[in-house]
PDB file of N, CA and C in Angstrom:
ATOM      1  N   MET A   1     -22.431  18.045 -35.029  1.00  0.00           N
ATOM      2  CA  MET A   1     -23.153  17.489 -33.912  1.00  0.00           C
ATOM      3  C   MET A   1     -22.678  16.070 -33.582  1.00  0.00           C
ATOM      4  N   LEU A   2     -22.482  15.252 -34.631  1.00  0.00           N
ATOM      5  CA  LEU A   2     -21.996  13.899 -34.394  1.00  0.00           C
ATOM      6  C   LEU A   2     -20.604  13.911 -33.777  1.00  0.00           C
ATOM      7  N   THR A   3     -19.791  14.876 -34.162  1.00  0.00           N
ATOM      8  CA  THR A   3     -18.449  14.991 -33.598  1.00  0.00           C
ATOM      9  C   THR A   3     -18.515  15.245 -32.097  1.00  0.00           C
ATOM     10  N   ALA A   4     -19.413  16.118 -31.666  1.00  0.00           N
ATOM     11  CA  ALA A   4     -19.564  16.420 -30.239  1.00  0.00           C
ATOM     12  C   ALA A   4     -20.030  15.185 -29.481  1.00  0.00           C
ATOM     13  N   VAL A   5     -20.960  14.441 -30.055  1.00  0.00           N
ATOM     14  CA  VAL A   5     -21.450  13.214 -29.415  1.00  0.00           C
ATOM     15  C   VAL A   5     -20.317  12.200 -29.315  1.00  0.00           C
ATOM     16  N   PHE A   6     -19.582  12.043 -30.429  1.00  0.00           N
ATOM     17  CA  PHE A   6     -18.461  11.103 -30.439  1.00  0.00           C
ATOM     18  C   PHE A   6     -17.411  11.485 -29.404  1.00  0.00           C
ATOM     19  N   LEU A   7     -17.047  12.759 -29.353  1.00  0.00           N
ATOM     20  CA  LEU A   7     -16.042  13.221 -28.388  1.00  0.00           C
ATOM     21  C   LEU A   7     -16.522  13.013 -26.956  1.00  0.00           C
ATOM     22  N   GLY A   8     -17.798  13.283 -26.704  1.00  0.00           N
ATOM     23  CA  GLY A   8     -18.356  13.067 -25.365  1.00  0.00           C
ATOM     24  C   GLY A   8     -18.304  11.600 -24.976  1.00  0.00           C
ATOM     25  N   THR A   9     -18.641  10.723 -25.916  1.00  0.00           N
ATOM     26  CA  THR A   9     -18.611   9.281 -25.661  1.00  0.00           C
ATOM     27  C   THR A   9     -17.173   8.810 -25.433  1.00  0.00           C
ATOM     28  N   ALA A  10     -16.255   9.295 -26.250  1.00  0.00           N
ATOM     29  CA  ALA A  10     -14.848   8.909 -26.097  1.00  0.00           C
ATOM     30  C   ALA A  10     -14.296   9.368 -24.758  1.00  0.00           C
ATOM     31  N   LYS A  11     -14.621  10.589 -24.353  1.00  0.00           N
ATOM     32  CA  LYS A  11     -14.154  11.101 -23.069  1.00  0.00           C
ATOM     33  C   LYS A  11     -14.719  10.267 -21.924  1.00  0.00           C
ATOM     34  N   SER A  12     -16.008   9.943 -22.020  1.00  0.00           N
ATOM     35  CA  SER A  12     -16.640   9.131 -20.986  1.00  0.00           C
ATOM     36  C   SER A  12     -15.977   7.759 -20.889  1.00  0.00           C
ATOM     37  N   PHE A  13     -15.680   7.166 -22.038  1.00  0.00           N
ATOM     38  CA  PHE A  13     -15.015   5.874 -22.072  1.00  0.00           C
ATOM     39  C   PHE A  13     -13.632   5.958 -21.433  1.00  0.00           C
ATOM     40  N   LEU A  14     -12.871   6.983 -21.786  1.00  0.00           N
ATOM     41  CA  LEU A  14     -11.528   7.156 -21.232  1.00  0.00           C
ATOM     42  C   LEU A  14     -11.582   7.425 -19.726  1.00  0.00           C
ATOM     43  N   ASP A  15     -12.556   8.205 -19.281  1.00  0.00           N
ATOM     44  CA  ASP A  15     -12.715   8.466 -17.847  1.00  0.00           C
ATOM     45  C   ASP A  15     -12.983   7.165 -17.097  1.00  0.00           C
ATOM     46  N   ARG A  16     -13.854   6.333 -17.648  1.00  0.00           N
ATOM     47  CA  ARG A  16     -14.158   5.054 -16.990  1.00  0.00           C
ATOM     48  C   ARG A  16     -12.940   4.139 -16.981  1.00  0.00           C
ATOM     49  N   ALA A  17     -12.195   4.125 -18.075  1.00  0.00           N
ATOM     50  CA  ALA A  17     -10.992   3.293 -18.161  1.00  0.00           C
ATOM     51  C   ALA A  17      -9.948   3.760 -17.152  1.00  0.00           C
ATOM     52  N   ALA A  18      -9.769   5.068 -17.030  1.00  0.00           N
ATOM     53  CA  ALA A  18      -8.808   5.611 -16.065  1.00  0.00           C
ATOM     54  C   ALA A  18      -9.234   5.272 -14.645  1.00  0.00           C
ATOM     55  N   TYR A  19     -10.525   5.365 -14.375  1.00  0.00           N
ATOM     56  CA  TYR A  19     -11.034   5.039 -13.039  1.00  0.00           C
ATOM     57  C   TYR A  19     -10.791   3.571 -12.726  1.00  0.00           C
ATOM     58  N   ARG A  20     -11.066   2.696 -13.685  1.00  0.00           N
ATOM     59  CA  ARG A  20     -10.836   1.253 -13.468  1.00  0.00           C
ATOM     60  C   ARG A  20      -9.359   0.975 -13.235  1.00  0.00           C
ATOM     61  N   ALA A  21      -8.502   1.626 -14.014  1.00  0.00           N
ATOM     62  CA  ALA A  21      -7.059   1.430 -13.851  1.00  0.00           C
ATOM     63  C   ALA A  21      -6.604   1.896 -12.472  1.00  0.00           C
ATOM     64  N   HIS A  22      -7.132   3.034 -12.019  1.00  0.00           N
ATOM     65  CA  HIS A  22      -6.790   3.551 -10.691  1.00  0.00           C
ATOM     66  C   HIS A  22      -7.250   2.575  -9.607  1.00  0.00           C
ATOM     67  N   ARG A  23      -8.461   2.048  -9.749  1.00  0.00           N
ATOM     68  CA  ARG A  23      -8.975   1.081  -8.763  1.00  0.00           C
ATOM     69  C   ARG A  23      -8.111  -0.168  -8.720  1.00  0.00           C
ATOM     70  N   GLU A  24      -7.699  -0.657  -9.883  1.00  0.00           N
ATOM     71  CA  GLU A  24      -6.852  -1.846  -9.940  1.00  0.00           C
ATOM     72  C   GLU A  24      -5.488  -1.580  -9.297  1.00  0.00           C
ATOM     73  N   GLU A  25      -4.936  -0.393  -9.549  1.00  0.00           N
ATOM     74  CA  GLU A  25      -3.652  -0.036  -8.948  1.00  0.00           C
ATOM     75  C   GLU A  25      -3.770   0.023  -7.430  1.00  0.00           C
ATOM     76  N   ARG A  26      -4.838   0.631  -6.928  1.00  0.00           N
ATOM     77  CA  ARG A  26      -5.058   0.689  -5.473  1.00  0.00           C
ATOM     78  C   ARG A  26      -5.176  -0.705  -4.888  1.00  0.00           C
ATOM     79  N   LYS A  27      -5.881  -1.583  -5.594  1.00  0.00           N
ATOM     80  CA  LYS A  27      -6.052  -2.965  -5.128  1.00  0.00           C
ATOM     81  C   LYS A  27      -4.704  -3.680  -5.076  1.00  0.00           C
ATOM     82  N   THR A  28      -3.879  -3.466  -6.106  1.00  0.00           N
ATOM     83  CA  THR A  28      -2.546  -4.075  -6.153  1.00  0.00           C
ATOM     84  C   THR A  28      -1.700  -3.603  -4.971  1.00  0.00           C
ATOM     85  N   HIS A  29      -1.715  -2.296  -4.709  1.00  0.00           N
ATOM     86  CA  HIS A  29      -0.926  -1.739  -3.611  1.00  0.00           C
ATOM     87  C   HIS A  29      -1.471  -2.204  -2.265  1.00  0.00           C
ATOM     88  N   ARG A  30      -2.795  -2.267  -2.139  1.00  0.00           N
ATOM     89  CA  ARG A  30      -3.409  -2.745  -0.899  1.00  0.00           C
ATOM     90  C   ARG A  30      -2.958  -4.178  -0.631  1.00  0.00           C
ATOM     91  N   ASN A  31      -3.025  -5.022  -1.658  1.00  0.00           N
ATOM     92  CA  ASN A  31      -2.617  -6.418  -1.500  1.00  0.00           C
ATOM     93  C   ASN A  31      -1.137  -6.528  -1.148  1.00  0.00           C
ATOM     94  N   ALA A  32      -0.297  -5.706  -1.772  1.00  0.00           N
ATOM     95  CA  ALA A  32       1.138  -5.740  -1.479  1.00  0.00           C
ATOM     96  C   ALA A  32       1.399  -5.350  -0.032  1.00  0.00           C
ATOM     97  N   LEU A  33       0.743  -4.302   0.427  1.00  0.00           N
ATOM     98  CA  LEU A  33       0.932  -3.844   1.808  1.00  0.00           C
ATOM     99  C   LEU A  33       0.467  -4.914   2.794  1.00  0.00           C
ATOM    100  N   LEU A  34      -0.675  -5.523   2.524  1.00  0.00           N
ATOM    101  CA  LEU A  34      -1.172  -6.584   3.401  1.00  0.00           C
ATOM    102  C   LEU A  34      -0.260  -7.806   3.351  1.00  0.00           C
ATOM    103  N   ASN A  35       0.306  -8.102   2.188  1.00  0.00           N
ATOM    104  CA  ASN A  35       1.255  -9.215   2.086  1.00  0.00           C
ATOM    105  C   ASN A  35       2.488  -8.970   2.948  1.00  0.00           C
ATOM    106  N   VAL A  36       2.959  -7.725   2.970  1.00  0.00           N
ATOM    107  CA  VAL A  36       4.105  -7.373   3.814  1.00  0.00           C
ATOM    108  C   VAL A  36       3.761  -7.629   5.284  1.00  0.00           C
ATOM    109  N   LEU A  37       2.609  -7.135   5.713  1.00  0.00           N
ATOM    110  CA  LEU A  37       2.219  -7.304   7.117  1.00  0.00           C
ATOM    111  C   LEU A  37       2.014  -8.772   7.469  1.00  0.00           C
ATOM    112  N   ASN A  38       1.393  -9.522   6.579  1.00  0.00           N
ATOM    113  CA  ASN A  38       1.164 -10.945   6.844  1.00  0.00           C
ATOM    114  C   ASN A  38       2.481 -11.714   6.881  1.00  0.00           C
ATOM    115  N   ARG A  39       3.377 -11.395   5.963  1.00  0.00           N
ATOM    116  CA  ARG A  39       4.682 -12.064   5.961  1.00  0.00           C
ATOM    117  C   ARG A  39       5.465 -11.707   7.217  1.00  0.00           C
ATOM    118  N   ALA A  40       5.408 -10.456   7.615  1.00  0.00           N
ATOM    119  CA  ALA A  40       6.117 -10.042   8.833  1.00  0.00           C
ATOM    120  C   ALA A  40       5.574 -10.769  10.057  1.00  0.00           C
ATOM    121  N   ALA A  41       4.292 -11.060  10.062  1.00  0.00           N
ATOM    122  CA  ALA A  41       3.689 -11.765  11.195  1.00  0.00           C
ATOM    123  C   ALA A  41       4.185 -13.205  11.288  1.00  0.00           C
ATOM    124  N   LEU A  42       4.494 -13.804  10.137  1.00  0.00           N
ATOM    125  CA  LEU A  42       4.851 -15.223  10.112  1.00  0.00           C
ATOM    126  C   LEU A  42       6.343 -15.509   9.980  1.00  0.00           C
ATOM    127  N   ASP A  43       7.104 -14.568   9.443  1.00  0.00           N
ATOM    128  CA  ASP A  43       8.502 -14.799   9.083  1.00  0.00           C
ATOM    129  C   ASP A  43       9.419 -13.892   9.901  1.00  0.00           C
ATOM    130  N   GLU A  44      10.041 -14.474  10.900  1.00  0.00           N
ATOM    131  CA  GLU A  44      10.899 -13.684  11.789  1.00  0.00           C
ATOM    132  C   GLU A  44      12.093 -13.071  11.052  1.00  0.00           C
ATOM    133  N   THR A  45      12.635 -13.788  10.092  1.00  0.00           N
ATOM    134  CA  THR A  45      13.765 -13.265   9.317  1.00  0.00           C
ATOM    135  C   THR A  45      13.349 -12.014   8.541  1.00  0.00           C
ATOM    136  N   PHE A  46      12.158 -12.055   7.931  1.00  0.00           N
ATOM    137  CA  PHE A  46      11.657 -10.903   7.195  1.00  0.00           C
ATOM    138  C   PHE A  46      11.381  -9.742   8.147  1.00  0.00           C
ATOM    139  N   ARG A  47      10.805 -10.060   9.286  1.00  0.00           N
ATOM    140  CA  ARG A  47      10.517  -9.028  10.292  1.00  0.00           C
ATOM    141  C   ARG A  47      11.815  -8.342  10.738  1.00  0.00           C
ATOM    142  N   THR A  48      12.856  -9.111  10.931  1.00  0.00           N
ATOM    143  CA  THR A  48      14.162  -8.551  11.304  1.00  0.00           C
ATOM    144  C   THR A  48      14.723  -7.697  10.173  1.00  0.00           C
ATOM    145  N   ALA A  49      14.557  -8.173   8.936  1.00  0.00           N
ATOM    146  CA  ALA A  49      15.025  -7.394   7.783  1.00  0.00           C
ATOM    147  C   ALA A  49      14.298  -6.056   7.708  1.00  0.00           C
ATOM    148  N   LEU A  50      13.009  -6.051   7.999  1.00  0.00           N
ATOM    149  CA  LEU A  50      12.264  -4.790   8.011  1.00  0.00           C
ATOM    150  C   LEU A  50      12.837  -3.831   9.052  1.00  0.00           C
ATOM    151  N   LEU A  51      13.186  -4.371  10.208  1.00  0.00           N
ATOM    152  CA  LEU A  51      13.724  -3.529  11.273  1.00  0.00           C
ATOM    153  C   LEU A  51      15.086  -2.949  10.929  1.00  0.00           C
ATOM    154  N   PHE A  52      15.956  -3.782  10.387  1.00  0.00           N
ATOM    155  CA  PHE A  52      17.341  -3.358  10.210  1.00  0.00           C
ATOM    156  C   PHE A  52      17.710  -2.919   8.789  1.00  0.00           C
ATOM    157  N   CYS A  53      16.941  -3.357   7.806  1.00  0.00           N
ATOM    158  CA  CYS A  53      17.250  -2.990   6.412  1.00  0.00           C
ATOM    159  C   CYS A  53      16.250  -1.983   5.842  1.00  0.00           C
ATOM    160  N   GLY A  54      15.178  -1.761   6.551  1.00  0.00           N
ATOM    161  CA  GLY A  54      14.193  -0.770   6.122  1.00  0.00           C
ATOM    162  C   GLY A  54      13.588  -1.072   4.769  1.00  0.00           C
ATOM    163  N   THR A  55      13.546  -0.062   3.920  1.00  0.00           N
ATOM    164  CA  THR A  55      12.859  -0.205   2.635  1.00  0.00           C
ATOM    165  C   THR A  55      13.546  -1.191   1.690  1.00  0.00           C
ATOM    166  N   LYS A  56      14.804  -1.507   1.929  1.00  0.00           N
ATOM    167  CA  LYS A  56      15.471  -2.536   1.100  1.00  0.00           C
ATOM    168  C   LYS A  56      14.737  -3.863   1.204  1.00  0.00           C
ATOM    169  N   ALA A  57      14.152  -4.135   2.371  1.00  0.00           N
ATOM    170  CA  ALA A  57      13.405  -5.379   2.567  1.00  0.00           C
ATOM    171  C   ALA A  57      12.082  -5.380   1.801  1.00  0.00           C
ATOM    172  N   LEU A  58      11.689  -4.217   1.292  1.00  0.00           N
ATOM    173  CA  LEU A  58      10.414  -4.091   0.591  1.00  0.00           C
ATOM    174  C   LEU A  58      10.571  -4.023  -0.922  1.00  0.00           C
ATOM    175  N   GLU A  59      11.779  -4.202  -1.428  1.00  0.00           N
ATOM    176  CA  GLU A  59      12.033  -4.006  -2.855  1.00  0.00           C
ATOM    177  C   GLU A  59      11.189  -4.897  -3.754  1.00  0.00           C
ATOM    178  N   GLN A  60      10.854  -6.093  -3.310  1.00  0.00           N
ATOM    179  CA  GLN A  60      10.092  -7.010  -4.168  1.00  0.00           C
ATOM    180  C   GLN A  60       8.594  -6.713  -4.179  1.00  0.00           C
ATOM    181  N   TYR A  61       8.176  -5.746  -3.385  1.00  0.00           N
ATOM    182  CA  TYR A  61       6.761  -5.398  -3.297  1.00  0.00           C
ATOM    183  C   TYR A  61       6.471  -4.121  -4.076  1.00  0.00           C
ATOM    184  N   GLU A  62       5.337  -4.101  -4.747  1.00  0.00           N
ATOM    185  CA  GLU A  62       4.931  -2.928  -5.525  1.00  0.00           C
ATOM    186  C   GLU A  62       4.226  -1.937  -4.596  1.00  0.00           C
ATOM    187  N   LEU A  63       5.046  -1.078  -3.989  1.00  0.00           N
ATOM    188  CA  LEU A  63       4.540  -0.088  -3.040  1.00  0.00           C
ATOM    189  C   LEU A  63       5.038   1.301  -3.424  1.00  0.00           C
ATOM    190  N   THR A  64       4.231   2.300  -3.151  1.00  0.00           N
ATOM    191  CA  THR A  64       4.658   3.681  -3.386  1.00  0.00           C
ATOM    192  C   THR A  64       5.596   4.109  -2.260  1.00  0.00           C
ATOM    193  N   CYS A  65       6.263   5.230  -2.463  1.00  0.00           N
ATOM    194  CA  CYS A  65       7.131   5.771  -1.407  1.00  0.00           C
ATOM    195  C   CYS A  65       6.314   6.064  -0.147  1.00  0.00           C
ATOM    196  N   GLN A  66       5.112   6.592  -0.321  1.00  0.00           N
ATOM    197  CA  GLN A  66       4.263   6.891   0.844  1.00  0.00           C
ATOM    198  C   GLN A  66       3.904   5.621   1.601  1.00  0.00           C
ATOM    199  N   GLU A  67       3.599   4.550   0.873  1.00  0.00           N
ATOM    200  CA  GLU A  67       3.241   3.287   1.522  1.00  0.00           C
ATOM    201  C   GLU A  67       4.436   2.706   2.269  1.00  0.00           C
ATOM    202  N   LYS A  68       5.603   2.762   1.650  1.00  0.00           N
ATOM    203  CA  LYS A  68       6.818   2.275   2.328  1.00  0.00           C
ATOM    204  C   LYS A  68       7.102   3.100   3.576  1.00  0.00           C
ATOM    205  N   THR A  69       6.953   4.408   3.457  1.00  0.00           N
ATOM    206  CA  THR A  69       7.187   5.288   4.602  1.00  0.00           C
ATOM    207  C   THR A  69       6.216   4.973   5.722  1.00  0.00           C
ATOM    208  N   ALA A  70       4.956   4.754   5.379  1.00  0.00           N
ATOM    209  CA  ALA A  70       3.950   4.432   6.394  1.00  0.00           C
ATOM    210  C   ALA A  70       4.288   3.123   7.103  1.00  0.00           C
ATOM    211  N   LEU A  71       4.739   2.129   6.344  1.00  0.00           N
ATOM    212  CA  LEU A  71       5.129   0.860   6.957  1.00  0.00           C
ATOM    213  C   LEU A  71       6.343   1.032   7.865  1.00  0.00           C
ATOM    214  N   MET A  72       7.345   1.738   7.366  1.00  0.00           N
ATOM    215  CA  MET A  72       8.579   1.898   8.124  1.00  0.00           C
ATOM    216  C   MET A  72       8.401   2.771   9.361  1.00  0.00           C
ATOM    217  N   SER A  73       7.470   3.705   9.308  1.00  0.00           N
ATOM    218  CA  SER A  73       7.257   4.601  10.450  1.00  0.00           C
ATOM    219  C   SER A  73       6.120   4.142  11.356  1.00  0.00           C
ATOM    220  N   GLY A  74       5.448   3.057  10.960  1.00  0.00           N
ATOM    221  CA  GLY A  74       4.336   2.564  11.776  1.00  0.00           C
ATOM    222  C   GLY A  74       3.133   3.490  11.759  1.00  0.00           C
ATOM    223  N   ASP A  75       2.912   4.161  10.649  1.00  0.00           N
ATOM    224  CA  ASP A  75       1.830   5.145  10.545  1.00  0.00           C
ATOM    225  C   ASP A  75       0.487   4.465  10.302  1.00  0.00           C
ATOM    226  N   ILE A  76      -0.081   3.958  11.377  1.00  0.00           N
ATOM    227  CA  ILE A  76      -1.346   3.230  11.312  1.00  0.00           C
ATOM    228  C   ILE A  76      -2.467   4.117  10.768  1.00  0.00           C
ATOM    229  N   LYS A  77      -2.505   5.364  11.209  1.00  0.00           N
ATOM    230  CA  LYS A  77      -3.574   6.272  10.757  1.00  0.00           C
ATOM    231  C   LYS A  77      -3.531   6.454   9.240  1.00  0.00           C
ATOM    232  N   TRP A  78      -2.352   6.665   8.677  1.00  0.00           N
ATOM    233  CA  TRP A  78      -2.244   6.865   7.235  1.00  0.00           C
ATOM    234  C   TRP A  78      -2.683   5.608   6.487  1.00  0.00           C
ATOM    235  N   ILE A  79      -2.212   4.460   6.953  1.00  0.00           N
ATOM    236  CA  ILE A  79      -2.558   3.195   6.285  1.00  0.00           C
ATOM    237  C   ILE A  79      -4.064   2.971   6.322  1.00  0.00           C
ATOM    238  N   GLU A  80      -4.665   3.195   7.486  1.00  0.00           N
ATOM    239  CA  GLU A  80      -6.107   2.961   7.588  1.00  0.00           C
ATOM    240  C   GLU A  80      -6.912   3.987   6.788  1.00  0.00           C
ATOM    241  N   LYS A  81      -6.416   5.175   6.660  1.00  0.00           N
ATOM    242  CA  LYS A  81      -7.118   6.201   5.876  1.00  0.00           C
ATOM    243  C   LYS A  81      -6.972   5.953   4.371  1.00  0.00           C
ATOM    244  N   ASN A  82      -5.789   5.537   3.945  1.00  0.00           N
ATOM    245  CA  ASN A  82      -5.498   5.451   2.514  1.00  0.00           C
ATOM    246  C   ASN A  82      -5.504   4.044   1.921  1.00  0.00           C
ATOM    247  N   ILE A  83      -5.363   3.028   2.752  1.00  0.00           N
ATOM    248  CA  ILE A  83      -5.271   1.662   2.222  1.00  0.00           C
ATOM    249  C   ILE A  83      -6.445   0.812   2.700  1.00  0.00           C
ATOM    250  N   CYS A  84      -6.493   0.529   3.977  1.00  0.00           N
ATOM    251  CA  CYS A  84      -7.587  -0.278   4.531  1.00  0.00           C
ATOM    252  C   CYS A  84      -7.471  -0.326   6.059  1.00  0.00           C
ATOM    253  N   ARG A  85      -8.538  -0.787   6.683  1.00  0.00           N
ATOM    254  CA  ARG A  85      -8.517  -0.981   8.132  1.00  0.00           C
ATOM    255  C   ARG A  85      -7.581  -2.141   8.437  1.00  0.00           C
ATOM    256  N   LEU A  86      -6.866  -2.022   9.540  1.00  0.00           N
ATOM    257  CA  LEU A  86      -5.931  -3.058   9.952  1.00  0.00           C
ATOM    258  C   LEU A  86      -6.511  -3.876  11.090  1.00  0.00           C
ATOM    259  N   THR A  87      -6.102  -5.119  11.156  1.00  0.00           N
ATOM    260  CA  THR A  87      -6.508  -5.980  12.261  1.00  0.00           C
ATOM    261  C   THR A  87      -5.668  -5.600  13.488  1.00  0.00           C
ATOM    262  N   PRO A  88      -6.095  -6.012  14.666  1.00  0.00           N
ATOM    263  CA  PRO A  88      -5.275  -5.751  15.857  1.00  0.00           C
ATOM    264  C   PRO A  88      -3.856  -6.327  15.734  1.00  0.00           C
ATOM    265  N   ASP A  89      -3.721  -7.498  15.126  1.00  0.00           N
ATOM    266  CA  ASP A  89      -2.386  -8.094  14.955  1.00  0.00           C
ATOM    267  C   ASP A  89      -1.513  -7.268  14.021  1.00  0.00           C
ATOM    268  N   GLN A  90      -2.098  -6.758  12.951  1.00  0.00           N
ATOM    269  CA  GLN A  90      -1.346  -5.921  12.019  1.00  0.00           C
ATOM    270  C   GLN A  90      -0.911  -4.623  12.691  1.00  0.00           C
ATOM    271  N   LYS A  91      -1.804  -4.048  13.476  1.00  0.00           N
ATOM    272  CA  LYS A  91      -1.455  -2.831  14.216  1.00  0.00           C
ATOM    273  C   LYS A  91      -0.330  -3.115  15.192  1.00  0.00           C
ATOM    274  N   SER A  92      -0.393  -4.264  15.833  1.00  0.00           N
ATOM    275  CA  SER A  92       0.637  -4.641  16.804  1.00  0.00           C
ATOM    276  C   SER A  92       2.015  -4.721  16.143  1.00  0.00           C
ATOM    277  N   LEU A  93       2.090  -5.291  14.949  1.00  0.00           N
ATOM    278  CA  LEU A  93       3.371  -5.354  14.225  1.00  0.00           C
ATOM    279  C   LEU A  93       3.933  -3.966  13.979  1.00  0.00           C
ATOM    280  N   LEU A  94       3.066  -3.047  13.572  1.00  0.00           N
ATOM    281  CA  LEU A  94       3.524  -1.683  13.302  1.00  0.00           C
ATOM    282  C   LEU A  94       3.941  -0.969  14.583  1.00  0.00           C
ATOM    283  N   LEU A  95       3.235  -1.223  15.664  1.00  0.00           N
ATOM    284  CA  LEU A  95       3.594  -0.608  16.943  1.00  0.00           C
ATOM    285  C   LEU A  95       4.945  -1.131  17.436  1.00  0.00           C
ATOM    286  N   HIS A  96       5.216  -2.415  17.209  1.00  0.00           N
ATOM    287  CA  HIS A  96       6.526  -2.969  17.590  1.00  0.00           C
ATOM    288  C   HIS A  96       7.642  -2.287  16.826  1.00  0.00           C
ATOM    289  N   ARG A  97       7.363  -1.913  15.580  1.00  0.00           N
ATOM    290  CA  ARG A  97       8.359  -1.185  14.778  1.00  0.00           C
ATOM    291  C   ARG A  97       8.701   0.140  15.465  1.00  0.00           C
ATOM    292  N   LEU A  98       7.688   0.824  15.946  1.00  0.00           N
ATOM    293  CA  LEU A  98       7.915   2.101  16.638  1.00  0.00           C
ATOM    294  C   LEU A  98       8.684   1.894  17.944  1.00  0.00           C
ATOM    295  N   GLU A  99       8.330   0.857  18.675  1.00  0.00           N
ATOM    296  CA  GLU A  99       8.970   0.580  19.958  1.00  0.00           C
ATOM    297  C   GLU A  99      10.438   0.203  19.810  1.00  0.00           C
ATOM    298  N   ALA A 100      10.803  -0.337  18.667  1.00  0.00           N
ATOM    299  CA  ALA A 100      12.200  -0.769  18.463  1.00  0.00           C
ATOM    300  C   ALA A 100      13.147   0.430  18.418  1.00  0.00           C
ATOM    301  N   GLU A 101      12.652   1.598  18.038  1.00  0.00           N
ATOM    302  CA  GLU A 101      13.446   2.823  17.960  1.00  0.00           C
ATOM    303  C   GLU A 101      14.729   2.642  17.159  1.00  0.00           C
ATOM    304  N   ILE A 102      14.605   1.928  16.037  1.00  0.00           N
ATOM    305  CA  ILE A 102      15.740   1.745  15.118  1.00  0.00           C
ATOM    306  C   ILE A 102      15.464   2.637  13.931  1.00  0.00           C
ATOM    307  N   TRP A 103      16.248   3.685  13.773  1.00  0.00           N
ATOM    308  CA  TRP A 103      16.020   4.631  12.666  1.00  0.00           C
ATOM    309  C   TRP A 103      17.245   4.797  11.874  1.00  0.00           C
TER     310      TRP A 103
END
């Protein structure tokens, strides 16, 4: 009986730890994605690198392939569904990426 209680407690502890780790990872990726958008808004050289170098310009950021793809393709819906709501200025940056038609 004590073994079952111990195993249940250990599983619960591990589940909570995994959940916290997942939340922290999401927060890290959210911050990285927002840092990219904020830097692109302020740094014309970086914005140009995003246009012409694509994901190479994102190497220093901790982003998943899906997040990089969403940034490079201007996928506002995916970002807002999976990361966070975007400001009008952030949306505008992504829309300019689409308008550039550089693939």
